[in-house]
N, C-alpha and C. Protein backbone atom coordinates (compact mmCIF):
# COMPACT_ATOMS: atom_id res chain seq x y z
N MET A 1 -50.61 -61.93 20.52
CA MET A 1 -49.49 -62.78 20.69
C MET A 1 -48.38 -62.06 22.02
N ASP A 2 -48.60 -63.87 22.14
CA ASP A 2 -47.84 -63.21 23.71
C ASP A 2 -46.44 -63.70 23.01
N TYR A 3 -45.92 -61.88 23.99
CA TYR A 3 -44.57 -61.91 24.05
C TYR A 3 -43.74 -61.96 25.49
N GLY A 4 -44.96 -62.72 26.12
CA GLY A 4 -43.97 -62.77 28.10
C GLY A 4 -43.50 -61.39 28.81
N ASP A 5 -43.06 -61.64 29.78
CA ASP A 5 -43.53 -61.15 30.39
C ASP A 5 -42.27 -59.52 30.56
N PRO A 6 -42.43 -58.60 30.60
CA PRO A 6 -41.67 -57.31 30.11
C PRO A 6 -40.56 -57.43 31.27
N ILE A 7 -39.47 -56.64 30.61
CA ILE A 7 -37.97 -57.11 31.35
C ILE A 7 -37.17 -56.10 30.89
N SER A 8 -35.79 -55.98 31.97
CA SER A 8 -34.95 -55.23 31.61
C SER A 8 -34.07 -55.30 30.40
N TYR A 9 -33.33 -54.16 30.20
CA TYR A 9 -32.72 -54.60 28.80
C TYR A 9 -31.37 -55.12 29.36
N LEU A 10 -31.55 -55.23 30.96
CA LEU A 10 -30.02 -55.78 31.43
C LEU A 10 -30.10 -57.45 30.98
N VAL A 11 -31.06 -57.57 30.93
CA VAL A 11 -31.36 -59.16 30.59
C VAL A 11 -32.15 -59.70 29.36
N LEU A 12 -32.01 -59.01 28.37
CA LEU A 12 -32.00 -58.99 27.08
C LEU A 12 -31.62 -60.01 26.39
N GLN A 13 -31.64 -60.77 25.82
CA GLN A 13 -30.66 -61.49 24.83
C GLN A 13 -30.60 -60.79 23.60
N PRO A 14 -28.99 -61.58 22.71
CA PRO A 14 -28.78 -61.12 21.24
C PRO A 14 -30.08 -62.30 20.34
N GLY A 15 -30.16 -61.78 19.07
CA GLY A 15 -31.22 -62.94 18.91
C GLY A 15 -32.85 -62.94 19.34
N THR A 16 -33.52 -61.81 19.77
CA THR A 16 -34.80 -61.43 20.52
C THR A 16 -35.22 -61.02 19.06
N ASP A 17 -36.87 -61.73 19.06
CA ASP A 17 -37.68 -60.86 17.90
C ASP A 17 -38.07 -59.22 17.98
N VAL A 18 -37.68 -58.41 17.26
CA VAL A 18 -37.80 -57.14 17.53
C VAL A 18 -39.51 -56.91 16.34
N VAL A 19 -40.78 -56.26 17.37
CA VAL A 19 -41.85 -56.02 16.10
C VAL A 19 -42.07 -54.84 15.98
N SER A 20 -42.56 -53.91 14.84
CA SER A 20 -42.78 -52.42 14.54
C SER A 20 -44.39 -52.28 16.07
N SER A 21 -44.38 -51.30 16.19
CA SER A 21 -45.81 -50.81 16.61
C SER A 21 -47.39 -51.49 15.20
N ASP A 22 -47.57 -51.74 14.54
CA ASP A 22 -48.12 -52.33 14.01
C ASP A 22 -47.97 -54.23 13.88
N GLY A 23 -47.34 -54.60 14.73
CA GLY A 23 -47.15 -55.69 14.96
C GLY A 23 -46.20 -57.03 14.03
N GLN A 24 -45.63 -56.35 12.52
CA GLN A 24 -44.72 -57.08 12.00
C GLN A 24 -42.93 -57.29 12.79
N ARG A 25 -43.00 -58.27 12.80
CA ARG A 25 -41.60 -58.48 12.53
C ARG A 25 -40.28 -58.03 11.54
N ILE A 26 -39.78 -57.38 12.54
CA ILE A 26 -38.61 -56.82 11.85
C ILE A 26 -37.36 -57.36 11.71
N GLY A 27 -37.03 -57.93 12.44
CA GLY A 27 -35.32 -58.37 12.80
C GLY A 27 -35.23 -59.24 14.20
N LYS A 28 -33.91 -58.86 14.67
CA LYS A 28 -33.62 -59.38 16.14
C LYS A 28 -32.49 -58.66 16.16
N VAL A 29 -32.57 -58.90 17.47
CA VAL A 29 -31.37 -57.89 18.23
C VAL A 29 -30.36 -58.67 17.90
N GLN A 30 -29.02 -57.52 17.61
CA GLN A 30 -28.08 -58.25 17.52
C GLN A 30 -26.77 -57.73 18.65
N HIS A 31 -26.90 -56.53 19.26
CA HIS A 31 -26.11 -55.97 20.35
C HIS A 31 -27.52 -54.74 21.26
N ILE A 32 -26.71 -54.84 22.83
CA ILE A 32 -27.79 -53.70 23.42
C ILE A 32 -26.86 -52.57 23.84
N LEU A 33 -27.07 -51.88 23.72
CA LEU A 33 -25.77 -50.42 23.53
C LEU A 33 -26.48 -49.73 25.35
N ALA A 34 -25.65 -50.03 25.86
CA ALA A 34 -25.69 -48.90 26.96
C ALA A 34 -24.48 -48.95 27.58
N VAL A 35 -24.37 -47.36 28.09
CA VAL A 35 -23.15 -46.97 28.66
C VAL A 35 -23.31 -47.64 30.50
N GLU A 36 -22.61 -48.54 30.39
CA GLU A 36 -22.94 -49.34 32.12
C GLU A 36 -22.25 -48.88 33.07
N GLU A 37 -21.68 -48.32 32.86
CA GLU A 37 -20.94 -47.43 34.49
C GLU A 37 -22.02 -46.70 34.94
N GLU A 38 -22.45 -45.82 33.53
CA GLU A 38 -24.01 -45.15 34.38
C GLU A 38 -25.42 -45.46 33.99
N ASP A 39 -25.54 -47.00 33.93
CA ASP A 39 -26.73 -47.32 33.88
C ASP A 39 -27.36 -46.94 32.51
N VAL A 40 -27.24 -46.34 31.81
CA VAL A 40 -27.85 -45.75 30.47
C VAL A 40 -28.11 -46.70 29.57
N PHE A 41 -29.27 -46.70 29.19
CA PHE A 41 -29.38 -47.71 27.45
C PHE A 41 -29.74 -46.53 26.70
N ASP A 42 -28.75 -46.83 26.17
CA ASP A 42 -28.70 -46.21 24.63
C ASP A 42 -29.99 -46.73 23.42
N GLY A 43 -29.79 -47.92 23.50
CA GLY A 43 -30.84 -48.30 22.63
C GLY A 43 -30.36 -49.56 22.04
N LEU A 44 -30.79 -49.84 20.79
CA LEU A 44 -30.16 -51.46 20.11
C LEU A 44 -29.37 -51.65 18.91
N VAL A 45 -28.91 -52.43 18.14
CA VAL A 45 -28.30 -52.64 16.90
C VAL A 45 -29.39 -53.36 16.39
N ILE A 46 -30.11 -53.88 15.51
CA ILE A 46 -30.58 -54.86 14.91
C ILE A 46 -30.47 -55.20 13.86
N ASP A 47 -30.78 -56.81 13.29
CA ASP A 47 -30.32 -56.82 11.96
C ASP A 47 -31.80 -57.06 11.46
N THR A 48 -32.07 -55.79 10.29
CA THR A 48 -33.43 -55.73 9.91
C THR A 48 -34.17 -56.83 8.26
N GLU A 49 -34.80 -57.52 8.58
CA GLU A 49 -35.38 -57.91 7.64
C GLU A 49 -36.35 -57.09 6.18
N LEU A 50 -36.33 -55.57 6.58
CA LEU A 50 -37.03 -54.97 5.84
C LEU A 50 -36.16 -53.66 5.01
N GLY A 51 -36.60 -53.04 3.95
CA GLY A 51 -35.83 -52.43 3.25
C GLY A 51 -34.63 -52.84 2.57
N PRO A 52 -33.42 -51.79 3.01
CA PRO A 52 -32.45 -52.80 2.42
C PRO A 52 -31.71 -53.49 3.18
N GLY A 53 -32.15 -53.80 4.46
CA GLY A 53 -31.81 -54.84 5.27
C GLY A 53 -30.45 -54.28 5.93
N GLY A 54 -29.39 -55.75 6.74
CA GLY A 54 -28.65 -55.53 7.77
C GLY A 54 -28.81 -54.68 8.78
N LEU A 55 -27.48 -54.30 9.50
CA LEU A 55 -27.83 -53.85 10.88
C LEU A 55 -28.08 -52.59 11.07
N HIS A 56 -29.05 -51.82 11.94
CA HIS A 56 -29.79 -50.65 12.08
C HIS A 56 -30.21 -50.30 13.32
N PHE A 57 -29.30 -48.97 13.59
CA PHE A 57 -29.64 -48.52 15.02
C PHE A 57 -31.37 -47.67 15.22
N VAL A 58 -31.41 -48.55 16.64
CA VAL A 58 -32.92 -48.09 17.46
C VAL A 58 -32.37 -47.34 18.80
N ASP A 59 -33.03 -46.60 18.41
CA ASP A 59 -32.72 -45.55 19.86
C ASP A 59 -33.22 -45.69 20.75
N ALA A 60 -33.20 -45.73 22.00
CA ALA A 60 -34.21 -46.09 23.61
C ALA A 60 -35.83 -45.26 22.60
N ASP A 61 -35.64 -44.26 22.52
CA ASP A 61 -36.59 -43.71 23.08
C ASP A 61 -37.72 -44.16 21.76
N GLN A 62 -37.24 -44.88 20.97
CA GLN A 62 -38.04 -45.44 19.57
C GLN A 62 -38.40 -47.09 20.08
N ILE A 63 -38.28 -47.34 21.46
CA ILE A 63 -38.20 -49.20 22.17
C ILE A 63 -39.40 -48.78 22.55
N ASP A 64 -41.00 -49.38 22.74
CA ASP A 64 -42.44 -49.00 23.50
C ASP A 64 -41.69 -49.82 24.78
N ARG A 65 -41.62 -51.36 24.62
CA ARG A 65 -41.14 -52.14 25.72
C ARG A 65 -40.32 -53.72 25.38
N ILE A 66 -39.82 -53.82 26.25
CA ILE A 66 -38.93 -55.11 26.22
C ILE A 66 -39.66 -56.28 27.26
N TYR A 67 -39.72 -57.15 25.94
CA TYR A 67 -40.37 -58.17 26.51
C TYR A 67 -39.50 -59.77 26.69
N GLU A 68 -39.46 -60.39 27.56
CA GLU A 68 -38.70 -61.50 27.66
C GLU A 68 -38.06 -62.25 25.73
N LYS A 69 -39.72 -62.00 24.71
CA LYS A 69 -39.82 -62.76 23.75
C LYS A 69 -39.55 -62.08 22.42
N ALA A 70 -39.23 -60.86 22.59
CA ALA A 70 -39.91 -59.35 21.74
C ALA A 70 -39.61 -58.04 22.47
N VAL A 71 -38.68 -57.25 21.72
CA VAL A 71 -38.49 -55.51 22.06
C VAL A 71 -39.72 -55.33 20.73
N VAL A 72 -40.82 -54.14 21.59
CA VAL A 72 -42.00 -54.10 20.43
C VAL A 72 -41.40 -52.13 20.85
N LEU A 73 -41.14 -51.97 18.89
CA LEU A 73 -40.97 -50.62 19.14
C LEU A 73 -41.80 -49.98 18.75
N ASN A 74 -42.12 -48.46 18.60
CA ASN A 74 -43.04 -47.57 18.44
C ASN A 74 -43.10 -46.64 17.78
N LEU A 75 -42.45 -47.93 16.54
CA LEU A 75 -42.34 -47.14 15.33
C LEU A 75 -42.78 -48.79 14.02
N THR A 76 -43.98 -47.93 13.22
CA THR A 76 -44.86 -48.88 12.30
C THR A 76 -43.60 -49.82 11.53
N ALA A 77 -43.49 -50.12 10.75
CA ALA A 77 -42.84 -51.38 9.91
C ALA A 77 -42.33 -50.45 8.39
N GLU A 78 -43.14 -49.89 8.16
CA GLU A 78 -42.39 -48.73 7.52
C GLU A 78 -41.92 -47.25 7.71
N GLU A 79 -42.10 -47.08 8.91
CA GLU A 79 -41.13 -46.01 9.51
C GLU A 79 -39.92 -46.78 9.88
N ALA A 80 -39.95 -48.06 10.23
CA ALA A 80 -39.15 -48.88 10.34
C ALA A 80 -37.54 -48.95 9.46
N LYS A 81 -38.82 -48.89 8.21
CA LYS A 81 -37.60 -48.92 7.41
C LYS A 81 -36.17 -47.89 7.03
N GLN A 82 -36.45 -46.66 7.64
CA GLN A 82 -35.64 -45.32 8.17
C GLN A 82 -34.79 -45.56 9.52
N LEU A 83 -34.87 -46.36 9.96
CA LEU A 83 -33.71 -46.77 10.73
C LEU A 83 -32.38 -45.90 10.92
N PRO A 84 -31.43 -45.39 11.25
CA PRO A 84 -30.57 -45.18 10.53
C PRO A 84 -29.46 -46.63 10.92
N LYS A 85 -28.39 -46.73 9.48
CA LYS A 85 -26.99 -47.64 9.97
C LYS A 85 -25.84 -46.95 10.63
N PRO A 86 -25.90 -47.91 11.68
CA PRO A 86 -24.14 -47.78 12.82
C PRO A 86 -22.97 -46.83 11.34
N THR A 87 -22.82 -46.07 12.38
CA THR A 87 -21.49 -45.61 11.51
C THR A 87 -19.63 -45.61 12.17
N PRO A 88 -19.01 -45.74 11.64
CA PRO A 88 -17.39 -45.25 12.04
C PRO A 88 -17.13 -44.04 12.74
N SER A 89 -16.47 -43.95 14.22
CA SER A 89 -16.15 -42.62 14.62
C SER A 89 -14.95 -41.88 13.21
N PRO A 90 -16.15 -40.97 13.43
CA PRO A 90 -14.40 -40.33 12.65
C PRO A 90 -14.03 -39.53 13.55
N GLY A 91 -12.45 -39.35 13.34
CA GLY A 91 -11.54 -38.09 14.57
C GLY A 91 -12.37 -36.63 14.72
N VAL A 92 -12.13 -36.32 15.15
CA VAL A 92 -12.63 -35.17 16.52
C VAL A 92 -12.00 -33.89 15.12
N LEU A 93 -12.85 -33.18 15.03
CA LEU A 93 -12.40 -31.97 14.11
C LEU A 93 -11.97 -30.89 14.82
N GLU A 94 -10.91 -29.80 15.03
CA GLU A 94 -10.70 -28.95 15.22
C GLU A 94 -10.70 -27.92 14.63
N SER A 95 -11.25 -26.95 15.13
CA SER A 95 -11.05 -25.51 14.44
C SER A 95 -11.32 -24.55 15.46
N HIS A 96 -10.05 -23.51 14.99
CA HIS A 96 -9.35 -22.44 16.07
C HIS A 96 -9.59 -22.69 17.15
N GLY A 97 -9.32 -24.17 17.63
CA GLY A 97 -9.23 -24.25 18.66
C GLY A 97 -10.70 -24.38 19.95
N VAL A 98 -11.16 -24.85 18.75
CA VAL A 98 -12.99 -25.54 19.12
C VAL A 98 -13.38 -26.51 18.80
N GLU A 99 -13.37 -27.60 19.35
CA GLU A 99 -13.83 -28.64 19.08
C GLU A 99 -15.42 -29.13 18.04
N ASP A 100 -15.15 -29.53 17.40
CA ASP A 100 -16.82 -30.02 16.80
C ASP A 100 -17.64 -31.22 17.48
N SER A 101 -18.54 -30.76 18.37
CA SER A 101 -18.98 -32.07 19.02
C SER A 101 -19.97 -32.79 18.28
N GLU A 102 -20.42 -34.04 18.14
CA GLU A 102 -21.53 -34.89 17.15
C GLU A 102 -22.65 -34.30 18.70
N SER A 103 -23.75 -34.68 17.37
CA SER A 103 -24.69 -34.36 18.59
C SER A 103 -24.75 -35.90 19.10
N PRO A 104 -26.17 -35.81 19.65
CA PRO A 104 -26.28 -37.12 20.32
C PRO A 104 -26.48 -38.72 19.79
N LEU A 105 -27.33 -38.23 18.54
CA LEU A 105 -27.30 -39.48 17.98
C LEU A 105 -26.91 -39.77 17.69
N GLN A 106 -25.62 -38.83 16.90
CA GLN A 106 -24.10 -39.24 16.18
C GLN A 106 -23.54 -39.76 17.41
N GLU A 107 -23.57 -39.70 18.59
CA GLU A 107 -22.50 -40.62 19.76
C GLU A 107 -23.05 -41.64 19.86
N LYS A 108 -24.61 -41.91 19.57
CA LYS A 108 -24.70 -42.91 19.82
C LYS A 108 -24.51 -44.25 18.71
N LEU A 109 -24.83 -43.72 17.50
CA LEU A 109 -24.41 -44.34 16.26
C LEU A 109 -22.83 -44.86 15.89
N HIS A 110 -21.92 -44.22 16.41
CA HIS A 110 -20.63 -44.52 16.55
C HIS A 110 -20.56 -45.37 17.77
N ARG A 111 -21.03 -44.99 19.18
CA ARG A 111 -20.64 -46.41 20.01
C ARG A 111 -21.59 -47.38 19.48
N ALA A 112 -22.20 -47.43 18.38
CA ALA A 112 -23.14 -48.53 18.07
C ALA A 112 -21.94 -49.48 17.04
N TRP A 113 -21.37 -48.50 16.38
CA TRP A 113 -20.80 -49.31 15.24
C TRP A 113 -19.15 -49.78 16.11
N ASP A 114 -18.48 -49.00 16.88
CA ASP A 114 -17.43 -49.21 17.49
C ASP A 114 -17.99 -50.56 18.30
N ARG A 115 -19.35 -51.16 18.59
CA ARG A 115 -19.73 -52.11 19.51
C ARG A 115 -19.42 -53.71 18.54
N ILE A 116 -20.10 -53.20 17.18
CA ILE A 116 -20.39 -54.28 16.54
C ILE A 116 -18.89 -54.20 15.55
N SER A 117 -17.93 -53.61 15.70
CA SER A 117 -16.69 -53.96 14.75
C SER A 117 -15.66 -54.22 16.19
N GLY A 118 -16.15 -54.50 17.22
CA GLY A 118 -15.07 -55.11 18.21
C GLY A 118 -13.90 -53.59 19.17
N ASN A 119 -14.67 -52.62 18.77
CA ASN A 119 -13.88 -51.12 19.49
C ASN A 119 -14.78 -51.19 20.33
N TYR A 120 -15.39 -51.75 21.04
CA TYR A 120 -15.89 -51.22 21.96
C TYR A 120 -15.60 -51.70 23.64
């Protein structure tokens, strides 16, 4: 299958196909997640057709290559069924003066939620 030339996440367009490592089209790009001021690519929110379907988060580490016509994951279609859904960001909890911090993945999932909910 011809996916075109490799491209940067900076020019990736919503609606681009997302393909598993075993060649199955699993959905389409909905949102590109990045910390623009730091030029850091976090990942993608995709609308998947697998499993329960709907919006799911793909971490940058789970992406093999970004092409003009497709994003290829380093996950099989079966593994892609386990991708997490973006979640709303809870309030920061404090316990005895120490903030409970989020894991990097939780932070990314919350940024994904903020992006798709318009709070970005």
